[in-house]
Protein backbone atom coordinates (compact mmCIF):
# COMPACT_ATOMS: atom_id res chain seq x y z
CA MET A 1 -10.54 -25.32 -2.46
CA PRO A 2 -13.23 -23.01 -3.92
CA LYS A 3 -14.71 -20.46 -1.50
CA ALA A 4 -18.24 -19.13 -1.29
CA HIS A 5 -19.07 -15.46 -1.79
CA VAL A 6 -22.52 -15.13 -0.24
CA TYR A 7 -25.03 -12.42 -1.14
CA ARG A 8 -28.30 -13.39 0.52
CA ARG A 9 -30.19 -10.59 -1.16
CA ASP A 10 -32.94 -11.41 -3.66
CA HIS A 11 -33.26 -9.85 -7.14
CA ILE A 12 -29.58 -9.21 -7.90
CA ASN A 13 -30.03 -7.81 -11.38
CA THR A 14 -27.86 -7.81 -14.47
CA ASP A 15 -26.95 -4.13 -13.93
CA GLU A 16 -25.44 -5.13 -10.60
CA ILE A 17 -23.67 -8.12 -12.14
CA ILE A 18 -22.14 -5.96 -14.88
CA PRO A 19 -23.13 -2.28 -14.97
CA ALA A 20 -24.37 -0.97 -18.34
CA ARG A 21 -21.51 1.53 -18.50
CA TYR A 22 -19.16 -1.40 -19.30
CA LEU A 23 -21.19 -2.99 -22.08
CA ASN A 24 -18.97 -1.52 -24.80
CA THR A 25 -16.92 -4.74 -24.94
CA ASP A 26 -17.50 -8.46 -25.13
CA ASP A 27 -14.05 -9.27 -23.75
CA GLN A 28 -14.59 -11.47 -20.67
CA ALA A 29 -11.33 -10.39 -19.01
CA GLU A 30 -12.30 -6.74 -19.33
CA LEU A 31 -15.85 -7.36 -18.11
CA ALA A 32 -14.50 -9.39 -15.17
CA LYS A 33 -12.74 -6.30 -13.82
CA HIS A 34 -16.17 -4.80 -13.10
CA CYS A 35 -18.10 -7.93 -12.08
CA LEU A 36 -20.52 -7.21 -9.22
CA GLU A 37 -18.80 -3.88 -8.49
CA ASP A 38 -22.07 -2.04 -7.77
CA LEU A 39 -23.10 -4.78 -5.33
CA ASP A 40 -19.67 -5.39 -3.76
CA PRO A 41 -16.93 -2.94 -4.81
CA ASP A 42 -14.23 -5.29 -3.45
CA PHE A 43 -15.53 -8.45 -5.17
CA VAL A 44 -12.87 -8.64 -7.89
CA ASN A 45 -10.12 -8.33 -5.27
CA LYS A 46 -11.56 -11.17 -3.18
CA VAL A 47 -12.55 -13.70 -5.84
CA LYS A 48 -10.19 -16.46 -6.91
CA PRO A 49 -10.56 -18.80 -9.92
CA GLY A 50 -13.00 -21.59 -9.09
CA ASP A 51 -14.86 -19.64 -6.38
CA ILE A 52 -18.64 -19.77 -6.14
CA VAL A 53 -21.29 -17.05 -5.80
CA ILE A 54 -24.30 -17.78 -3.58
CA ALA A 55 -27.45 -15.66 -3.89
CA GLY A 56 -31.15 -15.45 -3.09
CA GLU A 57 -34.20 -15.49 -5.37
CA ASP A 58 -34.39 -14.27 -8.96
CA PHE A 59 -30.65 -13.89 -9.61
CA GLY A 60 -29.95 -12.20 -12.95
CA CYS A 61 -33.25 -10.38 -13.30
CA GLY A 62 -33.50 -7.18 -15.31
CA SER A 63 -32.03 -6.60 -18.75
CA SER A 64 -31.28 -9.55 -20.97
CA ARG A 65 -27.55 -9.44 -21.52
CA GLU A 66 -25.05 -12.17 -22.16
CA HIS A 67 -22.44 -9.80 -20.70
CA ALA A 68 -23.61 -10.73 -17.19
CA VAL A 69 -22.64 -14.37 -17.76
CA TRP A 70 -19.41 -13.35 -19.49
CA ALA A 71 -18.41 -11.09 -16.58
CA ILE A 72 -19.02 -13.82 -14.00
CA ARG A 73 -17.23 -16.45 -16.05
CA GLY A 74 -14.40 -14.02 -16.82
CA ALA A 75 -13.93 -13.43 -13.09
CA GLY A 76 -13.20 -17.15 -12.75
CA ILE A 77 -16.42 -18.04 -10.95
CA GLN A 78 -17.07 -21.79 -11.18
CA THR A 79 -20.83 -21.48 -10.71
CA VAL A 80 -23.58 -19.37 -9.20
CA ILE A 81 -25.88 -21.08 -6.72
CA ALA A 82 -29.16 -19.24 -6.14
CA LYS A 83 -32.61 -19.96 -4.75
CA SER A 84 -33.88 -19.19 -8.26
CA PHE A 85 -32.77 -17.49 -11.46
CA ALA A 86 -34.47 -15.08 -13.82
CA ARG A 87 -35.47 -17.16 -16.83
CA ILE A 88 -33.44 -15.18 -19.38
CA PHE A 89 -30.29 -15.31 -17.21
CA TYR A 90 -30.79 -19.05 -16.71
CA ARG A 91 -30.96 -19.63 -20.45
CA ASN A 92 -28.10 -17.21 -21.20
CA ALA A 93 -25.94 -19.14 -18.73
CA ILE A 94 -26.61 -22.49 -20.38
CA ASN A 95 -26.27 -21.02 -23.89
CA GLY A 96 -22.97 -19.48 -22.77
CA GLY A 97 -21.63 -22.76 -21.39
CA PHE A 98 -21.89 -21.74 -17.74
CA TYR A 99 -23.33 -24.20 -15.20
CA ILE A 100 -25.70 -22.68 -12.63
CA ILE A 101 -27.40 -24.35 -9.68
CA GLU A 102 -30.83 -23.72 -8.24
CA SER A 103 -31.00 -24.58 -4.56
CA PRO A 104 -33.55 -23.17 -2.12
CA ASP A 105 -31.37 -24.28 0.83
CA ALA A 106 -27.86 -23.21 -0.17
CA ALA A 107 -28.08 -19.53 0.81
CA GLU A 108 -29.15 -20.53 4.33
CA LYS A 109 -26.60 -23.32 4.78
CA ILE A 110 -23.50 -21.71 3.28
CA SER A 111 -21.61 -18.82 4.85
CA ASP A 112 -19.24 -16.35 3.25
CA GLY A 113 -15.80 -17.96 2.95
CA ASP A 114 -17.00 -21.56 3.33
CA GLU A 115 -15.07 -24.06 1.22
CA LEU A 116 -17.28 -25.99 -1.18
CA GLU A 117 -17.04 -29.04 -3.40
CA ILE A 118 -19.69 -29.71 -6.05
CA ASP A 119 -20.64 -32.94 -7.77
CA TYR A 120 -22.62 -31.57 -10.71
CA LYS A 121 -23.79 -34.92 -12.05
CA ALA A 122 -24.93 -36.29 -8.67
CA GLY A 123 -26.47 -32.96 -7.63
CA LEU A 124 -24.52 -32.54 -4.39
CA ILE A 125 -22.85 -29.55 -2.76
CA LYS A 126 -20.45 -30.48 0.02
CA ASN A 127 -19.74 -27.69 2.47
CA LYS A 128 -16.27 -28.71 3.64
CA THR A 129 -16.23 -25.98 6.29
CA SER A 130 -19.43 -27.00 8.08
CA GLY A 131 -19.46 -30.67 7.09
CA ILE A 132 -22.98 -30.58 5.64
CA SER A 133 -24.19 -31.68 2.21
CA ILE A 134 -26.90 -30.00 0.19
CA LYS A 135 -28.75 -31.80 -2.60
CA PHE A 136 -29.86 -30.03 -5.78
CA ASN A 137 -31.48 -31.08 -9.03
CA PRO A 138 -28.74 -31.31 -11.66
CA LEU A 139 -29.28 -29.72 -15.04
CA PRO A 140 -31.07 -32.01 -17.47
CA ASP A 141 -28.78 -34.05 -19.72
CA PHE A 142 -29.35 -31.88 -22.80
CA ALA A 143 -28.47 -28.68 -20.87
CA ARG A 144 -25.45 -30.29 -19.22
CA GLN A 145 -24.25 -31.38 -22.68
CA ILE A 146 -24.55 -27.79 -23.97
CA VAL A 147 -22.52 -26.56 -20.98
CA GLN A 148 -19.90 -29.32 -21.44
CA ASP A 149 -19.58 -28.41 -25.13
CA GLY A 150 -18.80 -24.81 -24.17
CA GLY A 151 -22.18 -23.28 -25.00
CA LEU A 152 -24.97 -23.56 -27.53
CA LEU A 153 -22.96 -22.41 -30.56
CA ASN A 154 -20.16 -24.90 -29.87
CA HIS A 155 -22.77 -27.60 -29.21
CA ILE A 156 -24.44 -26.95 -32.58
CA LEU A 157 -21.09 -26.90 -34.38
CA LYS A 158 -20.08 -30.17 -32.70
CA LYS A 159 -23.35 -31.81 -33.69
CA SER A 160 -23.12 -30.55 -37.28
CA LYS A 161 -19.53 -31.86 -37.60
CA HIS A 162 -20.68 -35.20 -36.23
CA SER A 163 -23.61 -35.26 -38.70
CA SER A 164 -21.29 -34.29 -41.59
CA LYS A 165 -18.90 -37.12 -40.73
CA LYS A 166 -21.79 -39.60 -40.59
CA GLU A 167 -23.13 -38.36 -43.94
CA SER A 168 -19.65 -38.53 -45.47
CA ARG A 169 -19.20 -42.13 -44.28
CA ARG A 170 -22.64 -43.07 -45.56
CA CYS A 171 -21.85 -41.59 -49.02
CA THR A 172 -18.47 -43.35 -49.15
CA LYS A 173 -20.03 -46.73 -48.29
CA SER A 174 -22.74 -46.44 -50.96
CA GLN A 175 -20.24 -45.67 -53.76
């Protein structure tokens, strides 16, 4: 069962998510080794695949860098739940195929180590440890589709392949 890693602090910036000194690679596994190390030096030793990061307001503020999303995803984090996200981080997450959740209540109702279950479509976080449920607004359908397709580039490629097949069938029928 996924566990929560709670950082109630606001304004966790991209330099804290992945320090600039590690931006010489785009390899997620390499970036993951340094994920959140300036905020929590022991984070990579504690996190397990599928775990969830909980944070305060304005998560991902600061420099615009896709590396922050790659580092989190590379560390095996299922999602980040925050009171709010910096706009560029929010968009980088969706474009990178990473589902994030805005919830003003989660940071107050989830404790470090709590076991969580998330229904992304229904917009429900179940805290299995405390027995409470927290509602959130799911991503809009178009954003959820981009995430499900593995990011914006994969989404565009999928759509263009689908359009090409349709066009090919249309040409074949008219001949």
